[in-house]
């Protein structure tokens, strides 16, 4: 398993933001769904080593997220919802900076590949601060995949994209999911149906569904995913 989570809990004061969840993920695209405040971003921050869990265990590619954090970070690419970027840097310059952090062997070749993959060619010589929100999202995704990680964690990766850009990024995520394990958090149900092979729904810190799309529909009268989501997270 690329990702294994066992009895994972994160407590803030008197609130269990994540409440004893367990799941696993293999190569493919896993849709990680839930209402705002359900615990999605907290879980992703734990998996990427940004914050520690209160209890439970999580491993990425066999490495513990707490005791082997550096090994985890080498194997993971993360696009957070806030997508922090150096807006005074040029696009290509920022990718060169990230390549230096990861000590890539042939950075120029890899940067060119990622610019092509993410459709950043026309914008590569602009400052990030001059880009539209959609192109900033592409820069964040390019940074996340630059070191060719085994695992990608994408928090709202298509936020702000127009319909044409959306199709391109969805196709890229599908292609990457053929060889990588991808956790995709989104509120767009059509996106989940388009790219995800498996779905986890979390509500109030607990997992309320963990199944393939086909299996989830089969257990819920073949209702649309949006209706299933609402029925499982309404209380």
Protein backbone atom coordinates (compact mmCIF):
# COMPACT_ATOMS: atom_id res chain seq x y z
CA UNK A 1 0.00 0.00 0.00
CA UNK A 2 1.30 3.46 -0.86
CA UNK A 3 -0.65 5.00 2.05
CA UNK A 4 -1.78 3.28 5.24
CA UNK A 5 -3.70 5.08 7.97
CA UNK A 6 -4.62 3.31 11.20
CA UNK A 7 -6.80 4.77 13.99
CA UNK A 8 -5.60 8.28 13.12
CA UNK A 9 -6.79 10.99 15.53
CA UNK A 10 -6.13 14.72 15.79
CA UNK A 11 -7.53 16.65 18.74
CA UNK A 12 -7.76 20.43 18.98
CA UNK A 13 -8.84 21.36 22.48
CA UNK A 14 -12.12 19.51 23.04
CA UNK A 15 -12.70 18.83 19.33
CA UNK A 16 -11.71 15.67 17.50
CA UNK A 17 -10.89 17.10 14.07
CA UNK A 18 -9.97 13.57 12.94
CA UNK A 19 -11.53 10.79 14.97
CA UNK A 20 -9.85 7.38 14.73
CA UNK A 21 -9.97 6.96 10.95
CA UNK A 22 -8.38 4.05 9.08
CA UNK A 23 -7.95 3.62 5.33
CA UNK A 24 -5.43 2.67 2.66
CA UNK A 25 -4.64 3.89 -0.83
CA UNK A 26 -2.88 2.27 -3.79
CA UNK A 27 -1.91 3.63 -7.22
CA UNK A 28 -4.92 5.35 -8.76
CA UNK A 29 -6.99 8.39 -7.88
CA UNK A 30 -8.78 8.38 -4.53
CA UNK A 31 -11.49 11.00 -4.06
CA UNK A 32 -11.35 12.33 -0.49
CA UNK A 33 -14.66 14.06 0.14
CA UNK A 34 -16.43 15.78 2.99
CA UNK A 35 -18.12 19.00 4.06
CA UNK A 36 -16.07 21.99 5.17
CA UNK A 37 -14.57 21.26 8.59
CA UNK A 38 -14.97 17.47 8.22
CA UNK A 39 -11.25 16.74 8.71
CA UNK A 40 -10.02 16.42 5.12
CA UNK A 41 -7.31 19.08 5.20
CA UNK A 42 -6.19 18.00 8.69
CA UNK A 43 -5.72 14.44 7.45
CA UNK A 44 -3.74 15.62 4.42
CA UNK A 45 -1.54 17.85 6.58
CA UNK A 46 -0.74 14.86 8.81
CA UNK A 47 0.13 12.67 5.80
CA UNK A 48 2.47 15.32 4.42
CA UNK A 49 4.21 15.95 7.74
CA UNK A 50 2.92 19.49 8.24
CA UNK A 51 1.31 18.67 11.58
CA UNK A 52 1.60 15.64 13.91
CA UNK A 53 -1.34 13.43 14.81
CA UNK A 54 -2.52 13.12 18.41
CA UNK A 55 -2.62 9.32 18.16
CA UNK A 56 -2.71 6.55 15.59
CA UNK A 57 -0.32 5.79 12.75
CA UNK A 58 0.17 6.82 9.15
CA UNK A 59 2.74 5.61 6.62
CA UNK A 60 3.58 6.73 3.09
CA UNK A 61 5.43 4.21 0.90
CA UNK A 62 6.23 2.28 4.09
CA UNK A 63 7.71 5.26 5.95
CA UNK A 64 6.19 6.62 9.15
CA UNK A 65 5.04 10.24 8.79
CA UNK A 66 6.44 11.20 12.20
CA UNK A 67 9.62 9.17 12.73
CA UNK A 68 10.66 9.10 9.04
CA UNK A 69 9.30 12.46 7.95
CA UNK A 70 12.12 13.30 5.52
CA UNK A 71 11.69 10.00 3.66
CA UNK A 72 7.96 10.68 3.40
CA UNK A 73 8.54 14.19 2.02
CA UNK A 74 10.88 12.83 -0.66
CA UNK A 75 8.12 10.59 -1.94
CA UNK A 76 5.17 12.94 -1.72
CA UNK A 77 3.95 15.92 -3.73
CA UNK A 78 1.50 18.30 -2.09
CA UNK A 79 -0.73 21.00 -3.50
CA UNK A 80 -2.45 22.66 -0.51
CA UNK A 81 -5.72 24.51 -0.88
CA UNK A 82 -4.05 27.87 -0.15
CA UNK A 83 -1.36 27.18 -2.81
CA UNK A 84 1.40 29.44 -1.39
CA UNK A 85 3.65 30.80 -4.13
CA UNK A 86 6.52 33.28 -4.44
CA UNK A 87 4.68 35.87 -6.51
CA UNK A 88 7.82 37.92 -7.27
CA UNK A 89 9.47 34.94 -8.96
CA UNK A 90 9.13 34.09 -12.63
CA UNK A 91 7.38 30.77 -13.32
CA UNK A 92 10.48 29.03 -14.66
CA UNK A 93 12.61 30.56 -11.90
CA UNK A 94 10.27 29.23 -9.20
CA UNK A 95 10.45 25.72 -10.67
CA UNK A 96 14.24 26.00 -10.71
CA UNK A 97 14.13 26.94 -7.02
CA UNK A 98 11.99 23.87 -6.20
CA UNK A 99 14.26 21.66 -8.33
CA UNK A 100 17.21 22.88 -6.25
CA UNK A 101 15.46 21.95 -3.01
CA UNK A 102 14.90 18.43 -4.33
CA UNK A 103 18.45 18.29 -5.80
CA UNK A 104 17.21 17.00 -9.15
CA UNK A 105 19.86 15.40 -11.32
CA UNK A 106 18.86 17.09 -14.60
CA UNK A 107 16.67 20.03 -13.54
CA UNK A 108 16.43 21.77 -16.92
CA UNK A 109 15.06 18.68 -18.65
CA UNK A 110 12.59 17.94 -15.86
CA UNK A 111 11.38 21.57 -15.68
CA UNK A 112 10.74 21.54 -19.44
CA UNK A 113 8.74 18.28 -19.11
CA UNK A 114 6.60 19.62 -16.28
CA UNK A 115 5.95 22.94 -18.04
CA UNK A 116 4.72 20.94 -21.04
CA UNK A 117 2.60 18.64 -18.84
CA UNK A 118 0.86 21.46 -17.01
CA UNK A 119 0.38 23.75 -20.01
CA UNK A 120 2.55 26.54 -18.57
CA UNK A 121 4.54 27.13 -21.75
CA UNK A 122 2.96 30.48 -22.72
CA UNK A 123 3.34 31.79 -19.15
CA UNK A 124 6.75 30.44 -18.17
CA UNK A 125 8.56 33.78 -18.52
CA UNK A 126 5.99 35.77 -16.53
CA UNK A 127 6.10 36.60 -12.85
CA UNK A 128 3.73 34.43 -10.83
CA UNK A 129 2.09 37.60 -9.49
CA UNK A 130 0.99 38.45 -13.03
CA UNK A 131 -0.82 35.15 -13.58
CA UNK A 132 -4.53 34.42 -13.33
CA UNK A 133 -5.73 32.19 -10.50
CA UNK A 134 -6.03 29.27 -12.90
CA UNK A 135 -2.41 29.54 -14.02
CA UNK A 136 -1.26 29.93 -10.42
CA UNK A 137 -2.96 26.61 -9.72
CA UNK A 138 -0.97 25.11 -12.57
CA UNK A 139 2.26 26.45 -11.07
CA UNK A 140 1.36 24.85 -7.74
CA UNK A 141 0.64 21.54 -9.46
CA UNK A 142 3.90 21.78 -11.43
CA UNK A 143 5.83 22.30 -8.20
CA UNK A 144 4.06 19.32 -6.61
CA UNK A 145 4.96 16.87 -9.41
CA UNK A 146 8.41 18.27 -10.26
CA UNK A 147 10.40 15.69 -8.27
CA UNK A 148 8.27 12.87 -9.74
CA UNK A 149 6.87 11.68 -6.40
CA UNK A 150 5.16 8.31 -5.88
CA UNK A 151 2.28 9.94 -4.00
CA UNK A 152 0.37 13.15 -4.78
CA UNK A 153 -1.96 14.90 -2.36
CA UNK A 154 -4.07 17.53 -4.10
CA UNK A 155 -6.38 19.81 -2.11
CA UNK A 156 -8.87 21.49 -4.48
CA UNK A 157 -6.43 21.39 -7.45
CA UNK A 158 -8.93 22.72 -10.02
CA UNK A 159 -10.11 25.71 -7.98
CA UNK A 160 -10.35 28.78 -10.22
CA UNK A 161 -9.85 26.97 -13.52
CA UNK A 162 -12.03 27.75 -16.52
CA UNK A 163 -13.78 24.81 -18.29
CA UNK A 164 -11.01 24.37 -20.86
CA UNK A 165 -8.27 24.38 -18.22
CA UNK A 166 -10.36 22.00 -16.13
CA UNK A 167 -10.37 19.36 -18.85
CA UNK A 168 -6.60 19.58 -19.25
CA UNK A 169 -5.86 19.25 -15.53
CA UNK A 170 -8.33 16.39 -15.12
CA UNK A 171 -6.64 14.53 -17.96
CA UNK A 172 -3.25 15.13 -16.34
CA UNK A 173 -4.50 13.81 -12.98
CA UNK A 174 -5.93 10.71 -14.69
CA UNK A 175 -2.64 10.11 -16.50
CA UNK A 176 -0.59 10.56 -13.32
CA UNK A 177 -2.94 8.18 -11.49
CA UNK A 178 -1.89 5.31 -13.76
CA UNK A 179 1.46 5.11 -11.97
CA UNK A 180 1.04 7.20 -8.80
CA UNK A 181 -1.18 7.17 -5.74
CA UNK A 182 -3.25 10.36 -5.75
CA UNK A 183 -5.51 11.67 -2.99
CA UNK A 184 -7.80 14.26 -4.52
CA UNK A 185 -9.91 16.50 -2.28
CA UNK A 186 -12.64 18.44 -4.04
CA UNK A 187 -16.23 19.65 -3.65
CA UNK A 188 -16.93 19.11 -7.36
CA UNK A 189 -18.75 15.78 -7.67
CA UNK A 190 -18.45 15.70 -11.47
CA UNK A 191 -14.70 15.85 -11.02
CA UNK A 192 -14.74 12.82 -8.73
CA UNK A 193 -16.87 10.88 -11.20
CA UNK A 194 -14.52 11.87 -14.03
CA UNK A 195 -11.17 10.90 -12.49
CA UNK A 196 -11.55 8.83 -9.30
CA UNK A 197 -11.63 5.04 -9.04
CA UNK A 198 -12.29 5.01 -5.27
CA UNK A 199 -14.06 7.38 -2.88
CA UNK A 200 -13.77 8.11 0.84
CA UNK A 201 -16.33 10.38 2.47
CA UNK A 202 -15.49 11.87 5.86
CA UNK A 203 -17.94 13.68 8.12
CA UNK A 204 -17.23 15.21 11.53
CA UNK A 205 -13.86 13.50 11.66
CA UNK A 206 -15.16 9.99 10.91
CA UNK A 207 -15.21 8.00 7.68
CA UNK A 208 -18.81 7.36 6.59
CA UNK A 209 -18.01 5.72 3.21
CA UNK A 210 -14.96 3.94 1.73
CA UNK A 211 -15.65 2.16 -1.54
CA UNK A 212 -15.27 2.21 -5.29
CA UNK A 213 -17.62 4.54 -7.16
CA UNK A 214 -19.50 1.53 -8.52
CA UNK A 215 -19.77 -0.07 -5.09
CA UNK A 216 -20.90 3.16 -3.46
CA UNK A 217 -23.66 3.65 -6.01
CA UNK A 218 -24.71 0.01 -5.70
CA UNK A 219 -25.21 0.41 -1.95
CA UNK A 220 -27.24 3.59 -2.46
CA UNK A 221 -29.86 2.70 -5.10
CA UNK A 222 -27.57 3.94 -7.88
CA UNK A 223 -28.21 7.52 -6.76
CA UNK A 224 -25.97 10.29 -8.16
CA UNK A 225 -22.80 10.83 -6.13
CA UNK A 226 -24.00 14.28 -5.06
CA UNK A 227 -27.16 12.78 -3.54
CA UNK A 228 -25.15 10.05 -1.78
CA UNK A 229 -22.79 12.69 -0.37
CA UNK A 230 -25.68 14.78 0.97
CA UNK A 231 -27.41 11.79 2.59
CA UNK A 232 -24.20 10.67 4.34
CA UNK A 233 -23.12 14.09 5.60
CA UNK A 234 -26.43 15.82 6.36
CA UNK A 235 -26.30 15.19 10.12
